[in-house]
Structures are given as C-alpha cells and as structure tokens.
Amino acid sequence: MSDEATYVCDACGEEIVIPVDPSEGSHQEFVEDCPVCCRPSVIHVDFLNDEVQVWAEPEQDYE
C-alpha cells in the first residue's frame, strides 16, 4: 500500500496528494486547507483491505 493518496478539491478542482498512515485507524477524518486555493475541506480516508479511499467535502458551504 502506498503512503500517499489523492483527492480532488471541491472548491478549485485540483487533484491534491496527501500522506496517509493506516496506523491512525481504518477511518480518518480531518480538515485541511487546499494548497492551491486555500479553502478548507474535510478529508475522509478509509482503508479497506489493501486499498485506500480518499475524498473531500467543503468544510462549509461557499456561495
């Protein structure tokens, strides 16, 4: 399993690479600012067998 994964920023659409660590639990959730547009997203990381799934959603609604 790789120690990196990617997600797409909901605000700007950029693909973001983040480090992942399965020793922190099989389901992880944290807030991270996009390095491109600086908007915060809630990042979800799930470890399923030998795969990792990562997705993001806005921390708050933007108009």
C-alpha atoms as a PDB file:
ATOM      1  CA  MET A   1       0.000   0.000   0.000  1.00  0.00           C
ATOM      2  CA  SER A   2       1.249   3.458  -0.867  1.00  0.00           C
ATOM      3  CA  ASP A   3       1.880   6.050   1.813  1.00  0.00           C
ATOM      4  CA  GLU A   4       0.262   8.716  -0.396  1.00  0.00           C
ATOM      5  CA  ALA A   5      -3.214   9.183  -1.842  1.00  0.00           C
ATOM      6  CA  THR A   6      -5.056  11.845  -3.821  1.00  0.00           C
ATOM      7  CA  TYR A   7      -8.344  13.702  -3.622  1.00  0.00           C
ATOM      8  CA  VAL A   8      -9.950  16.410  -5.741  1.00  0.00           C
ATOM      9  CA  CYS A   9     -10.578  19.776  -4.096  1.00  0.00           C
ATOM     10  CA  ASP A  10     -14.294  20.596  -4.246  1.00  0.00           C
ATOM     11  CA  ALA A  11     -13.567  24.316  -4.467  1.00  0.00           C
ATOM     12  CA  CYS A  12     -10.991  24.520  -7.273  1.00  0.00           C
ATOM     13  CA  GLY A  13     -10.984  21.040  -8.832  1.00  0.00           C
ATOM     14  CA  GLU A  14      -7.263  20.439  -8.374  1.00  0.00           C
ATOM     15  CA  GLU A  15      -6.004  16.945  -7.576  1.00  0.00           C
ATOM     16  CA  ILE A  16      -4.182  17.071  -4.229  1.00  0.00           C
ATOM     17  CA  VAL A  17      -1.659  14.488  -2.980  1.00  0.00           C
ATOM     18  CA  ILE A  18      -1.634  13.816   0.772  1.00  0.00           C
ATOM     19  CA  PRO A  19       0.308  11.424   3.006  1.00  0.00           C
ATOM     20  CA  VAL A  20      -1.759   8.617   4.548  1.00  0.00           C
ATOM     21  CA  ASP A  21      -0.993   6.469   7.588  1.00  0.00           C
ATOM     22  CA  PRO A  22      -3.088   3.356   8.304  1.00  0.00           C
ATOM     23  CA  SER A  23      -1.754   3.211  11.881  1.00  0.00           C
ATOM     24  CA  GLU A  24      -4.087   6.156  12.670  1.00  0.00           C
ATOM     25  CA  GLY A  25      -7.177   3.961  12.164  1.00  0.00           C
ATOM     26  CA  SER A  26      -9.223   2.457   9.351  1.00  0.00           C
ATOM     27  CA  HIS A  27     -11.429   5.570   9.066  1.00  0.00           C
ATOM     28  CA  GLN A  28      -9.898   9.013   9.416  1.00  0.00           C
ATOM     29  CA  GLU A  29     -11.380  12.484   9.080  1.00  0.00           C
ATOM     30  CA  PHE A  30      -9.571  15.808   9.296  1.00  0.00           C
ATOM     31  CA  VAL A  31      -9.710  19.362   7.975  1.00  0.00           C
ATOM     32  CA  GLU A  32      -7.025  20.548   5.583  1.00  0.00           C
ATOM     33  CA  ASP A  33      -6.640  23.745   3.559  1.00  0.00           C
ATOM     34  CA  CYS A  34      -6.185  23.234  -0.168  1.00  0.00           C
ATOM     35  CA  PRO A  35      -2.604  24.151  -1.109  1.00  0.00           C
ATOM     36  CA  VAL A  36      -3.907  25.715  -4.352  1.00  0.00           C
ATOM     37  CA  CYS A  37      -6.976  27.778  -3.365  1.00  0.00           C
ATOM     38  CA  CYS A  38      -6.570  27.752   0.466  1.00  0.00           C
ATOM     39  CA  ARG A  39     -10.199  26.767   1.130  1.00  0.00           C
ATOM     40  CA  PRO A  40     -10.686  24.233   3.925  1.00  0.00           C
ATOM     41  CA  SER A  41     -12.037  20.771   3.173  1.00  0.00           C
ATOM     42  CA  VAL A  42     -12.998  17.853   5.366  1.00  0.00           C
ATOM     43  CA  ILE A  43     -10.809  14.986   4.165  1.00  0.00           C
ATOM     44  CA  HIS A  44     -12.085  11.432   4.622  1.00  0.00           C
ATOM     45  CA  VAL A  45      -9.674   8.490   4.457  1.00  0.00           C
ATOM     46  CA  ASP A  46     -10.832   4.868   4.541  1.00  0.00           C
ATOM     47  CA  PHE A  47      -8.505   1.877   4.487  1.00  0.00           C
ATOM     48  CA  LEU A  48     -10.200  -1.189   3.002  1.00  0.00           C
ATOM     49  CA  ASN A  49      -8.014  -4.299   2.862  1.00  0.00           C
ATOM     50  CA  ASP A  50      -5.056  -3.219   0.692  1.00  0.00           C
ATOM     51  CA  GLU A  51      -6.738  -0.132  -0.769  1.00  0.00           C
ATOM     52  CA  VAL A  52      -7.170   3.423   0.447  1.00  0.00           C
ATOM     53  CA  GLN A  53     -10.107   5.651  -0.500  1.00  0.00           C
ATOM     54  CA  VAL A  54      -9.857   9.400  -0.023  1.00  0.00           C
ATOM     55  CA  TRP A  55     -12.475  12.059  -0.714  1.00  0.00           C
ATOM     56  CA  ALA A  56     -13.121  15.624   0.327  1.00  0.00           C
ATOM     57  CA  GLU A  57     -16.112  17.802   1.009  1.00  0.00           C
ATOM     58  CA  PRO A  58     -16.228  21.526   1.784  1.00  0.00           C
ATOM     59  CA  GLU A  59     -15.851  22.400   5.438  1.00  0.00           C
ATOM     60  CA  GLN A  60     -18.571  24.991   4.885  1.00  0.00           C
ATOM     61  CA  ASP A  61     -20.839  25.986   2.025  1.00  0.00           C
ATOM     62  CA  TYR A  62     -19.467  28.627  -0.332  1.00  0.00           C
ATOM     63  CA  GLU A  63     -21.713  30.839  -2.368  1.00  0.00           C
END
